[in-house]
């Protein structure tokens, strides 16, 4: 790592300020800047601060319990690796806005990017010891450098080529921050073979496709960790704009690895009516509380044809079926963001809104229903979401929304109860005359209901995040707001993609934003 001060003229660059950092942005687009990604960086700073505080508390608790007479106070400083640093903006912001960092290694493959990192570190008054520019292949760096407390992966496209390296590079109890922008692969079934090759699971084109994307990425992290007898604990999993951003803590706990099979499985999904069911690969018999037994799961939980409408079902996964978030972690992060001065986070309103909706999500129920899909299946007008929520709550079940999709219903109610509520709504609003006898819609509406449905308004049907008018679902922030073009690369530095560990994986196409979100300028 060269600590020589770079030589440059400020007049040759644009200056872009984000948070406490001001970067010199090359006019020839040597490395790109996407202002929409400020939310990603703001969330990452808040998440690392929260992890730091919890980690330090855990260290001090272990220190207090220790009976070793020669014990020394543990260090509260930590190290960070940004494996694909580009301009160095993220590393500069981390260094200036997060206390307790011993040093950051900002790595990139391209010489021009590394020069940009050095230039921006110097321009922001940071020492080359604190933010260390490093040129090299990201995977090679993660396997050759000493382990880090925080590893940040923010590639252009898929993080899949870097997952094993990140698992290897992070300390026990450390944090891995992962971005994947290839939602056209993760959140649709246009190219299931590509998704399976990258993430080890099939995607599904469904109302829950963005939550499924999170679960596919977490599963790839979990499987990589299990090979090294490590366990990945999801702390916060976010579907944002055109990408997913996931924060996981890695534990050297072989006993937790034994639970992975019971939290991993496949999803059966009816493409016509949207009904779904999950099937984990394993089960746990707790026994007497000391000697748990881990068993293979029983036969499929559904028939080949959908029990609701008789249509064929498709299989998604394998994917992670366990919790997407650690509720205590998210609550502390939400409290800290809410208490922070408005100047700390430029995207604070959106951060509060997303974190609050995540706190409201049912954390023990994988996937969710889409109200528009349910109503489309029987050709009826969508009722207010609170009406259907009230019906499920009045029937004794839990229900929530999700941050990944507006108009979503996450519930522990079985599919037949949900369809009983839809049938009751159709009975009130009237059946469409365009439904033909024997069609899937006719089969759904002709089925006998078994649940007493009451649409009496329930006090919990309208979530608090909506009542207090937080920014729950982001509108399009600007025109052409998706991933920017890959930054230009001088011919002198171009080379063949010899291995899948290059810093520029296959470019991703962004999933199109939901029209429902794009048409609503309100914070709703």
Protein backbone atom coordinates (compact mmCIF):
# COMPACT_ATOMS: atom_id res chain seq x y z
CA UNK A 1 0.00 0.00 0.00
CA UNK A 2 1.60 3.20 -1.23
CA UNK A 3 1.24 6.12 1.19
CA UNK A 4 2.74 8.71 -1.20
CA UNK A 5 0.56 11.81 -1.45
CA UNK A 6 -1.08 12.01 -4.90
CA UNK A 7 -0.46 14.94 -7.22
CA UNK A 8 -3.51 16.52 -8.82
CA UNK A 9 -5.17 19.82 -9.71
CA UNK A 10 -8.59 20.42 -8.16
CA UNK A 11 -9.59 22.43 -11.22
CA UNK A 12 -9.57 19.24 -13.31
CA UNK A 13 -12.42 17.70 -11.31
CA UNK A 14 -16.02 18.22 -10.29
CA UNK A 15 -16.64 18.31 -6.54
CA UNK A 16 -19.52 16.23 -5.20
CA UNK A 17 -20.47 16.38 -1.53
CA UNK A 18 -22.31 13.58 0.23
CA UNK A 19 -22.52 13.40 3.99
CA UNK A 20 -19.21 14.65 5.40
CA UNK A 21 -17.26 13.62 2.31
CA UNK A 22 -16.47 15.65 -0.78
CA UNK A 23 -15.08 13.65 -3.66
CA UNK A 24 -13.31 14.81 -6.76
CA UNK A 25 -15.35 13.34 -9.59
CA UNK A 26 -13.40 12.94 -12.86
CA UNK A 27 -14.96 14.77 -15.77
CA UNK A 28 -14.23 11.84 -18.10
CA UNK A 29 -16.30 9.50 -15.86
CA UNK A 30 -13.22 7.55 -14.88
CA UNK A 31 -15.23 6.20 -11.95
CA UNK A 32 -18.94 6.72 -11.73
CA UNK A 33 -21.13 8.35 -9.09
CA UNK A 34 -24.81 7.51 -8.62
CA UNK A 35 -26.58 9.95 -6.26
CA UNK A 36 -29.48 7.51 -5.78
CA UNK A 37 -27.04 5.25 -3.92
CA UNK A 38 -26.72 7.78 -1.11
CA UNK A 39 -29.53 5.91 0.65
CA UNK A 40 -27.44 2.73 0.47
CA UNK A 41 -24.47 4.49 2.03
CA UNK A 42 -26.57 6.23 4.70
CA UNK A 43 -28.16 2.91 5.70
CA UNK A 44 -24.74 1.24 5.73
CA UNK A 45 -23.27 3.87 8.04
CA UNK A 46 -26.21 3.54 10.44
CA UNK A 47 -26.02 -0.28 10.34
CA UNK A 48 -22.26 -0.36 11.01
CA UNK A 49 -22.69 2.07 13.93
CA UNK A 50 -25.40 -0.17 15.40
CA UNK A 51 -23.29 -3.30 14.92
CA UNK A 52 -20.31 -1.51 16.49
CA UNK A 53 -22.30 -0.55 19.59
CA UNK A 54 -23.73 -4.04 20.07
CA UNK A 55 -20.36 -5.67 19.42
CA UNK A 56 -18.62 -3.45 21.97
CA UNK A 57 -21.31 -4.15 24.55
CA UNK A 58 -20.82 -7.89 24.01
CA UNK A 59 -17.05 -7.53 24.43
CA UNK A 60 -17.44 -5.60 27.69
CA UNK A 61 -19.95 -8.13 29.03
CA UNK A 62 -17.53 -11.00 28.34
CA UNK A 63 -14.74 -8.98 29.96
CA UNK A 64 -16.85 -8.41 33.08
CA UNK A 65 -17.71 -12.13 33.36
CA UNK A 66 -14.14 -13.29 32.88
CA UNK A 67 -12.38 -14.69 35.96
CA UNK A 68 -8.91 -14.49 34.39
CA UNK A 69 -6.76 -12.39 36.75
CA UNK A 70 -4.59 -11.24 33.83
CA UNK A 71 -7.47 -10.03 31.69
CA UNK A 72 -7.03 -6.78 29.76
CA UNK A 73 -9.66 -4.41 28.55
CA UNK A 74 -10.73 -5.44 25.01
CA UNK A 75 -10.21 -3.04 22.13
CA UNK A 76 -13.29 -1.27 20.84
CA UNK A 77 -11.67 -0.36 17.54
CA UNK A 78 -12.45 -2.29 14.39
CA UNK A 79 -11.24 -2.70 10.81
CA UNK A 80 -13.13 -2.42 7.52
CA UNK A 81 -12.54 -3.82 4.05
CA UNK A 82 -14.34 -2.26 1.09
CA UNK A 83 -13.55 -4.90 -1.50
CA UNK A 84 -14.77 -2.97 -4.55
CA UNK A 85 -14.17 0.66 -3.68
CA UNK A 86 -14.33 2.48 -7.07
CA UNK A 87 -13.99 6.22 -6.26
CA UNK A 88 -13.50 5.60 -2.53
CA UNK A 89 -16.55 7.66 -1.57
CA UNK A 90 -17.95 4.96 0.69
CA UNK A 91 -14.65 4.43 2.50
CA UNK A 92 -14.15 8.17 2.93
CA UNK A 93 -17.64 8.54 4.42
CA UNK A 94 -17.04 5.60 6.76
CA UNK A 95 -13.77 7.13 7.95
CA UNK A 96 -15.29 10.58 8.56
CA UNK A 97 -18.69 9.54 9.95
CA UNK A 98 -18.11 6.36 11.99
CA UNK A 99 -16.14 6.52 15.23
CA UNK A 100 -13.94 3.64 16.35
CA UNK A 101 -12.43 2.57 13.03
CA UNK A 102 -8.77 1.59 13.28
CA UNK A 103 -8.30 1.48 9.52
CA UNK A 104 -10.12 0.85 6.24
CA UNK A 105 -8.68 -0.98 3.26
CA UNK A 106 -10.26 0.41 0.08
CA UNK A 107 -9.52 -2.12 -2.66
CA UNK A 108 -10.12 -1.99 -6.39
CA UNK A 109 -8.77 -3.82 -9.39
CA UNK A 110 -8.32 -0.82 -11.70
CA UNK A 111 -5.31 1.49 -11.33
CA UNK A 112 -7.45 4.54 -12.15
CA UNK A 113 -9.89 3.67 -9.37
CA UNK A 114 -7.06 3.21 -6.88
CA UNK A 115 -5.61 6.57 -7.90
CA UNK A 116 -9.06 8.10 -7.37
CA UNK A 117 -9.21 6.57 -3.88
CA UNK A 118 -5.82 8.06 -2.96
CA UNK A 119 -6.83 11.43 -4.37
CA UNK A 120 -10.13 11.54 -2.46
CA UNK A 121 -8.56 10.35 0.79
CA UNK A 122 -5.98 13.14 0.54
CA UNK A 123 -8.54 15.79 -0.51
CA UNK A 124 -10.72 14.95 2.50
CA UNK A 125 -7.84 15.39 4.93
CA UNK A 126 -7.62 11.73 5.90
CA UNK A 127 -4.40 9.87 6.49
CA UNK A 128 -3.25 7.12 4.18
CA UNK A 129 -2.91 4.93 7.28
CA UNK A 130 -6.60 5.33 8.15
CA UNK A 131 -7.89 4.74 4.62
CA UNK A 132 -5.47 2.49 2.78
CA UNK A 133 -5.79 2.33 -1.01
CA UNK A 134 -5.09 -1.20 -2.22
CA UNK A 135 -4.95 -2.43 -5.80
CA UNK A 136 -5.82 -6.04 -6.47
CA UNK A 137 -8.38 -8.63 -7.32
CA UNK A 138 -11.14 -8.51 -4.69
CA UNK A 139 -11.24 -12.26 -4.09
CA UNK A 140 -7.45 -12.47 -3.83
CA UNK A 141 -7.46 -9.57 -1.37
CA UNK A 142 -10.09 -11.20 0.83
CA UNK A 143 -8.07 -14.42 0.97
CA UNK A 144 -4.62 -12.87 1.43
CA UNK A 145 -5.14 -9.90 3.77
CA UNK A 146 -5.68 -10.32 7.53
CA UNK A 147 -9.30 -10.75 8.59
CA UNK A 148 -11.52 -7.70 9.02
CA UNK A 149 -14.35 -6.88 11.40
CA UNK A 150 -16.49 -5.43 8.60
CA UNK A 151 -16.44 -6.55 4.96
CA UNK A 152 -18.43 -4.47 2.46
CA UNK A 153 -19.37 -5.86 -0.96
CA UNK A 154 -20.98 -3.35 -3.30
CA UNK A 155 -20.30 -4.65 -6.82
CA UNK A 156 -21.73 -3.60 -10.14
CA UNK A 157 -24.12 -6.53 -10.61
CA UNK A 158 -23.97 -9.72 -8.58
CA UNK A 159 -22.01 -10.27 -5.38
CA UNK A 160 -22.02 -14.03 -6.02
CA UNK A 161 -18.34 -14.28 -7.12
CA UNK A 162 -17.23 -12.61 -3.89
CA UNK A 163 -19.34 -14.41 -1.28
CA UNK A 164 -16.85 -17.15 -0.36
CA UNK A 165 -14.08 -14.59 -0.07
CA UNK A 166 -16.17 -12.41 2.23
CA UNK A 167 -17.00 -15.35 4.49
CA UNK A 168 -13.28 -16.13 4.69
CA UNK A 169 -12.27 -12.50 5.30
CA UNK A 170 -14.58 -11.57 8.19
CA UNK A 171 -13.79 -12.05 11.87
CA UNK A 172 -15.96 -14.10 14.22
CA UNK A 173 -18.87 -11.85 15.15
CA UNK A 174 -18.04 -9.54 12.27
CA UNK A 175 -20.37 -7.86 9.81
CA UNK A 176 -20.75 -8.50 6.08
CA UNK A 177 -22.62 -5.88 4.03
CA UNK A 178 -23.76 -7.15 0.62
CA UNK A 179 -25.32 -5.41 -2.38
CA UNK A 180 -26.71 -7.20 -5.45
CA UNK A 181 -28.15 -5.14 -8.31
CA UNK A 182 -29.11 -8.01 -10.65
CA UNK A 183 -32.80 -8.04 -9.74
CA UNK A 184 -33.72 -9.02 -13.31
CA UNK A 185 -32.16 -12.35 -12.35
CA UNK A 186 -33.17 -12.52 -8.68
CA UNK A 187 -36.72 -11.14 -8.88
CA UNK A 188 -38.17 -12.77 -12.01
CA UNK A 189 -38.09 -16.14 -13.70
CA UNK A 190 -36.80 -14.90 -17.05
CA UNK A 191 -33.46 -16.61 -16.52
CA UNK A 192 -33.84 -19.23 -13.76
CA UNK A 193 -30.76 -21.07 -14.96
CA UNK A 194 -28.62 -17.96 -14.41
CA UNK A 195 -30.05 -17.36 -10.96
CA UNK A 196 -29.47 -20.99 -9.99
CA UNK A 197 -25.90 -20.81 -11.23
CA UNK A 198 -25.16 -17.66 -9.24
CA UNK A 199 -27.21 -18.17 -6.09
CA UNK A 200 -28.07 -21.87 -6.00
CA UNK A 201 -31.85 -21.39 -6.25
CA UNK A 202 -34.70 -20.71 -8.65
CA UNK A 203 -36.47 -17.32 -8.49
CA UNK A 204 -40.24 -16.90 -8.79
CA UNK A 205 -42.18 -14.26 -10.67
CA UNK A 206 -44.65 -13.47 -7.90
CA UNK A 207 -45.87 -10.63 -5.72
CA UNK A 208 -43.21 -11.65 -3.20
CA UNK A 209 -40.40 -11.73 -5.78
CA UNK A 210 -38.33 -9.03 -4.06
CA UNK A 211 -38.55 -10.78 -0.70
CA UNK A 212 -37.63 -13.99 -2.50
CA UNK A 213 -34.59 -12.21 -3.91
CA UNK A 214 -33.44 -11.39 -0.37
CA UNK A 215 -33.92 -15.00 0.67
CA UNK A 216 -31.97 -16.33 -2.31
CA UNK A 217 -28.99 -14.10 -1.54
CA UNK A 218 -29.07 -14.96 2.17
CA UNK A 219 -29.18 -18.64 1.29
CA UNK A 220 -26.06 -18.27 -0.84
CA UNK A 221 -24.31 -16.57 2.09
CA UNK A 222 -25.55 -19.22 4.51
CA UNK A 223 -24.42 -22.13 2.35
CA UNK A 224 -20.97 -20.59 1.87
CA UNK A 225 -20.64 -20.03 5.63
CA UNK A 226 -21.78 -23.56 6.51
CA UNK A 227 -18.91 -25.05 4.50
CA UNK A 228 -16.55 -23.40 7.00
CA UNK A 229 -18.69 -24.30 10.04
CA UNK A 230 -19.82 -20.71 10.29
CA UNK A 231 -23.36 -19.38 10.65
CA UNK A 232 -24.82 -16.25 9.07
CA UNK A 233 -27.29 -14.25 11.17
CA UNK A 234 -29.35 -11.79 9.09
CA UNK A 235 -29.48 -8.47 10.95
CA UNK A 236 -31.22 -6.33 8.31
CA UNK A 237 -32.31 -7.27 4.78
CA UNK A 238 -33.54 -4.48 2.51
CA UNK A 239 -35.03 -4.39 -0.97
CA UNK A 240 -34.19 -0.90 -2.26
CA UNK A 241 -34.93 0.62 -5.65
CA UNK A 242 -33.04 -1.58 -8.15
CA UNK A 243 -31.01 -3.69 -5.71
CA UNK A 244 -30.94 -5.57 -2.42
CA UNK A 245 -28.74 -4.59 0.52
CA UNK A 246 -28.18 -7.18 3.25
CA UNK A 247 -26.34 -6.96 6.57
CA UNK A 248 -25.37 -10.23 8.25
CA UNK A 249 -23.30 -11.14 11.28
CA UNK A 250 -21.03 -14.18 10.99
CA UNK A 251 -20.61 -16.55 13.94
CA UNK A 252 -18.13 -19.38 14.47
CA UNK A 253 -20.87 -21.57 15.95
CA UNK A 254 -20.99 -25.10 14.49
CA UNK A 255 -24.06 -25.85 16.62
CA UNK A 256 -25.96 -23.14 14.74
CA UNK A 257 -24.90 -24.64 11.41
CA UNK A 258 -27.00 -27.68 12.37
CA UNK A 259 -30.14 -25.51 12.24
CA UNK A 260 -29.60 -24.36 8.66
CA UNK A 261 -31.50 -27.24 7.01
CA UNK A 262 -34.63 -26.49 9.07
CA UNK A 263 -34.49 -22.86 7.94
CA UNK A 264 -33.81 -23.61 4.28
CA UNK A 265 -36.24 -25.02 1.76
CA UNK A 266 -38.33 -24.64 -1.37
CA UNK A 267 -41.44 -22.64 -2.20
CA UNK A 268 -44.47 -24.00 -4.07
CA UNK A 269 -46.29 -21.21 -5.89
CA UNK A 270 -49.43 -21.04 -8.03
CA UNK A 271 -48.86 -18.53 -10.80
CA UNK A 272 -52.59 -18.07 -11.36
CA UNK A 273 -53.96 -17.25 -7.91
CA UNK A 274 -50.73 -16.52 -6.01
CA UNK A 275 -51.22 -19.15 -3.30
CA UNK A 276 -47.96 -20.54 -1.95
CA UNK A 277 -46.52 -22.93 0.59
CA UNK A 278 -43.01 -23.53 1.91
CA UNK A 279 -41.20 -26.81 2.55
CA UNK A 280 -38.08 -26.81 4.74
CA UNK A 281 -35.45 -29.47 4.17
CA UNK A 282 -35.14 -30.44 7.81
CA UNK A 283 -36.79 -30.38 11.21
CA UNK A 284 -35.51 -30.18 14.78
CA UNK A 285 -36.76 -32.33 17.63
CA UNK A 286 -35.71 -30.41 20.78
CA UNK A 287 -35.85 -33.58 22.85
CA UNK A 288 -35.20 -32.84 26.53
CA UNK A 289 -33.69 -29.44 25.73
CA UNK A 290 -30.09 -30.68 25.75
CA UNK A 291 -29.86 -33.27 23.01
CA UNK A 292 -31.74 -31.94 20.02
CA UNK A 293 -32.20 -34.29 17.10
CA UNK A 294 -32.00 -33.06 13.52
CA UNK A 295 -34.21 -34.90 11.06
CA UNK A 296 -34.99 -34.90 7.35
CA UNK A 297 -38.31 -33.25 6.57
CA UNK A 298 -41.36 -35.27 5.55
CA UNK A 299 -42.99 -35.43 2.11
CA UNK A 300 -44.15 -32.34 0.12
CA UNK A 301 -46.64 -30.11 1.85
CA UNK A 302 -48.80 -29.58 -1.26
CA UNK A 303 -50.20 -31.52 -4.20
CA UNK A 304 -49.06 -31.03 -7.79
CA UNK A 305 -52.12 -28.90 -8.48
CA UNK A 306 -53.05 -25.82 -6.46
CA UNK A 307 -55.65 -26.66 -3.80
CA UNK A 308 -57.27 -23.25 -4.30
CA UNK A 309 -57.78 -23.03 -8.07
CA UNK A 310 -56.51 -26.30 -9.53
CA UNK A 311 -53.75 -24.68 -11.58
CA UNK A 312 -50.24 -26.07 -11.91
CA UNK A 313 -47.66 -25.05 -9.31
CA UNK A 314 -44.03 -24.10 -9.76
CA UNK A 315 -41.08 -24.61 -7.44
CA UNK A 316 -38.76 -21.84 -6.25
CA UNK A 317 -35.61 -22.04 -4.20
CA UNK A 318 -33.86 -23.43 -2.31
CA UNK A 319 -33.93 -20.25 -0.31
CA UNK A 320 -33.60 -19.02 3.27
CA UNK A 321 -36.90 -19.46 5.19
CA UNK A 322 -35.71 -18.08 8.53
CA UNK A 323 -35.96 -14.48 9.78
CA UNK A 324 -34.76 -11.72 7.46
CA UNK A 325 -33.96 -9.34 10.30
CA UNK A 326 -32.89 -9.21 13.94
CA UNK A 327 -35.68 -7.18 15.55
CA UNK A 328 -33.49 -5.84 18.40
CA UNK A 329 -30.87 -4.71 15.90
CA UNK A 330 -33.42 -2.95 13.69
CA UNK A 331 -35.06 -1.27 16.70
CA UNK A 332 -31.74 0.14 17.89
CA UNK A 333 -30.90 1.31 14.40
CA UNK A 334 -34.31 2.96 14.02
CA UNK A 335 -33.99 4.70 17.39
CA UNK A 336 -30.50 5.98 16.53
CA UNK A 337 -31.54 7.25 13.10
CA UNK A 338 -34.63 8.94 14.55
CA UNK A 339 -32.58 10.64 17.27
CA UNK A 340 -29.84 11.81 14.89
CA UNK A 341 -29.65 15.39 13.70
CA UNK A 342 -31.17 15.85 10.25
CA UNK A 343 -27.75 16.83 8.90
CA UNK A 344 -26.28 13.40 9.71
CA UNK A 345 -28.23 11.43 7.14
CA UNK A 346 -29.38 13.10 3.94
CA UNK A 347 -32.00 10.39 3.43
CA UNK A 348 -33.20 10.24 7.04
CA UNK A 349 -36.97 10.39 6.27
CA UNK A 350 -36.75 7.41 3.98
CA UNK A 351 -34.49 5.55 6.41
CA UNK A 352 -37.01 5.96 9.22
CA UNK A 353 -39.86 4.85 7.01
CA UNK A 354 -38.17 1.69 5.76
CA UNK A 355 -36.88 0.68 9.19
CA UNK A 356 -40.30 1.24 10.76
CA UNK A 357 -42.06 -0.91 8.17
CA UNK A 358 -39.42 -3.61 8.68
CA UNK A 359 -40.09 -3.49 12.43
CA UNK A 360 -43.77 -4.04 11.72
CA UNK A 361 -43.15 -7.10 9.52
CA UNK A 362 -43.95 -10.53 10.92
CA UNK A 363 -40.46 -11.96 11.37
CA UNK A 364 -41.46 -15.64 11.60
CA UNK A 365 -43.56 -15.83 8.40
CA UNK A 366 -41.69 -16.26 5.09
CA UNK A 367 -43.09 -14.51 2.00
CA UNK A 368 -46.37 -12.67 1.56
CA UNK A 369 -49.47 -12.24 -0.61
CA UNK A 370 -50.17 -9.42 -3.04
CA UNK A 371 -53.67 -7.93 -2.75
CA UNK A 372 -53.80 -7.02 -6.45
CA UNK A 373 -52.89 -10.60 -7.48
CA UNK A 374 -55.53 -12.11 -5.18
CA UNK A 375 -58.26 -9.87 -6.56
CA UNK A 376 -57.13 -10.27 -10.15
CA UNK A 377 -57.49 -14.04 -9.82
CA UNK A 378 -61.25 -13.65 -9.19
CA UNK A 379 -61.69 -10.49 -11.31
CA UNK A 380 -62.90 -8.27 -8.50
CA UNK A 381 -62.13 -4.72 -7.45
CA UNK A 382 -59.45 -4.49 -4.75
CA UNK A 383 -60.87 -3.64 -1.33
CA UNK A 384 -58.99 -1.29 1.00
CA UNK A 385 -56.03 -3.16 2.44
CA UNK A 386 -57.29 -2.41 5.95
CA UNK A 387 -60.52 -4.25 5.16
CA UNK A 388 -58.76 -7.54 4.38
CA UNK A 389 -56.33 -7.02 7.26
CA UNK A 390 -59.30 -6.59 9.61
CA UNK A 391 -60.89 -9.80 8.35
CA UNK A 392 -57.73 -11.81 9.08
CA UNK A 393 -57.17 -10.15 12.47
CA UNK A 394 -60.81 -10.72 13.46
CA UNK A 395 -60.39 -14.38 12.53
CA UNK A 396 -57.56 -14.67 15.07
CA UNK A 397 -54.53 -14.46 12.79
CA UNK A 398 -51.62 -12.04 12.63
CA UNK A 399 -51.02 -9.78 9.67
CA UNK A 400 -48.56 -7.11 8.54
CA UNK A 401 -47.24 -5.39 5.46
CA UNK A 402 -43.70 -5.69 4.13
CA UNK A 403 -41.18 -3.10 3.03
CA UNK A 404 -40.50 -4.93 -0.24
CA UNK A 405 -43.94 -4.39 -1.79
CA UNK A 406 -46.79 -1.97 -1.42
CA UNK A 407 -50.21 -3.62 -1.08
CA UNK A 408 -48.70 -6.71 0.56
CA UNK A 409 -50.21 -9.06 3.13
CA UNK A 410 -47.84 -11.06 5.32
CA UNK A 411 -49.86 -13.36 7.57
CA UNK A 412 -49.82 -16.66 9.41
CA UNK A 413 -53.35 -17.39 8.14
CA UNK A 414 -53.50 -20.48 5.87
CA UNK A 415 -54.46 -19.94 2.22
CA UNK A 416 -58.05 -21.16 2.65
CA UNK A 417 -58.72 -18.45 5.25
CA UNK A 418 -57.36 -15.75 2.94
CA UNK A 419 -59.58 -16.98 0.13
CA UNK A 420 -62.56 -17.14 2.48
CA UNK A 421 -62.00 -13.43 3.08
CA UNK A 422 -61.72 -12.73 -0.65
CA UNK A 423 -64.93 -14.68 -1.30
CA UNK A 424 -66.71 -12.70 1.40
CA UNK A 425 -65.56 -9.48 -0.26
CA UNK A 426 -66.81 -10.69 -3.67
CA UNK A 427 -70.16 -11.58 -2.11
CA UNK A 428 -70.43 -7.97 -0.96
CA UNK A 429 -69.16 -6.28 -4.11
CA UNK A 430 -70.66 -8.64 -6.69
CA UNK A 431 -69.27 -11.38 -8.91
CA UNK A 432 -67.89 -10.45 -12.34
CA UNK A 433 -70.11 -11.61 -15.22
CA UNK A 434 -67.00 -12.43 -17.25
CA UNK A 435 -66.06 -15.47 -15.15
CA UNK A 436 -66.73 -18.66 -17.11
CA UNK A 437 -67.95 -21.86 -15.52
CA UNK A 438 -65.14 -24.26 -14.65
CA UNK A 439 -62.43 -21.61 -14.90
CA UNK A 440 -59.88 -21.19 -12.06
CA UNK A 441 -61.74 -18.08 -10.90
CA UNK A 442 -65.01 -20.01 -10.86
CA UNK A 443 -63.41 -22.83 -8.86
CA UNK A 444 -62.15 -20.34 -6.29
CA UNK A 445 -65.47 -18.55 -5.86
CA UNK A 446 -67.54 -21.74 -5.89
CA UNK A 447 -65.59 -23.34 -3.04
CA UNK A 448 -67.31 -23.64 0.32
CA UNK A 449 -66.01 -21.18 2.92
CA UNK A 450 -65.03 -22.60 6.30
CA UNK A 451 -64.17 -19.40 8.18
CA UNK A 452 -66.52 -16.86 9.64
CA UNK A 453 -65.39 -13.58 8.11
CA UNK A 454 -65.97 -10.20 9.74
CA UNK A 455 -64.88 -6.97 8.09
CA UNK A 456 -65.43 -4.99 11.28
CA UNK A 457 -62.53 -2.49 11.40
CA UNK A 458 -59.74 -3.77 13.64
CA UNK A 459 -57.51 -1.41 15.60
CA UNK A 460 -54.34 -3.05 14.26
CA UNK A 461 -55.39 -3.15 10.61
CA UNK A 462 -53.72 0.18 9.81
CA UNK A 463 -49.97 0.08 10.66
CA UNK A 464 -48.40 2.78 12.79
CA UNK A 465 -45.92 3.70 10.06
CA UNK A 466 -48.83 4.80 7.90
CA UNK A 467 -50.71 6.55 10.69
CA UNK A 468 -47.72 8.72 11.57
CA UNK A 469 -47.16 9.43 7.84
CA UNK A 470 -43.64 8.08 7.38
CA UNK A 471 -42.12 7.65 3.92
CA UNK A 472 -43.08 4.00 3.62
CA UNK A 473 -42.56 3.35 -0.11
CA UNK A 474 -40.18 5.50 -2.10
CA UNK A 475 -41.27 7.13 -5.34
CA UNK A 476 -38.85 7.27 -8.27
CA UNK A 477 -36.16 9.70 -7.01
CA UNK A 478 -35.21 11.04 -10.45
CA UNK A 479 -35.34 10.22 -14.15
CA UNK A 480 -33.20 7.28 -15.24
CA UNK A 481 -32.60 6.46 -11.58
CA UNK A 482 -31.42 2.88 -12.02
CA UNK A 483 -27.84 1.60 -12.15
CA UNK A 484 -25.55 3.92 -14.04
CA UNK A 485 -23.41 2.66 -16.89
CA UNK A 486 -20.25 0.89 -15.92
CA UNK A 487 -17.45 3.43 -15.61
CA UNK A 488 -15.11 3.73 -18.57
CA UNK A 489 -11.87 1.83 -18.54
CA UNK A 490 -8.81 3.06 -20.45
CA UNK A 491 -7.59 0.59 -23.05
CA UNK A 492 -4.24 0.37 -21.29
CA UNK A 493 -5.88 -1.18 -18.25
CA UNK A 494 -8.36 -3.48 -20.02
CA UNK A 495 -7.79 -7.18 -19.77
CA UNK A 496 -9.62 -10.40 -20.27
CA UNK A 497 -12.00 -11.68 -17.62
CA UNK A 498 -9.90 -14.66 -16.73
CA UNK A 499 -11.71 -15.64 -13.55
CA UNK A 500 -15.13 -15.01 -12.01
CA UNK A 501 -13.42 -13.01 -9.29
CA UNK A 502 -13.05 -9.84 -11.37
CA UNK A 503 -14.23 -6.58 -9.81
CA UNK A 504 -16.72 -6.12 -12.63
CA UNK A 505 -19.15 -9.08 -12.72
CA UNK A 506 -21.82 -9.40 -15.40
CA UNK A 507 -23.75 -6.14 -15.66
CA UNK A 508 -27.23 -6.25 -14.21
CA UNK A 509 -30.45 -4.93 -15.61
CA UNK A 510 -32.62 -3.37 -12.96
CA UNK A 511 -36.10 -4.67 -12.28
CA UNK A 512 -38.65 -2.07 -13.30
CA UNK A 513 -40.17 -0.07 -10.43
CA UNK A 514 -43.75 -0.87 -9.50
CA UNK A 515 -46.22 1.42 -11.20
CA UNK A 516 -48.15 1.65 -7.95
CA UNK A 517 -45.18 3.27 -6.25
CA UNK A 518 -44.31 5.48 -9.19
CA UNK A 519 -47.75 7.05 -9.31
CA UNK A 520 -47.93 7.97 -5.63
CA UNK A 521 -45.93 11.07 -4.72
CA UNK A 522 -47.21 10.97 -1.15
CA UNK A 523 -45.37 9.46 1.80
CA UNK A 524 -47.71 6.46 1.96
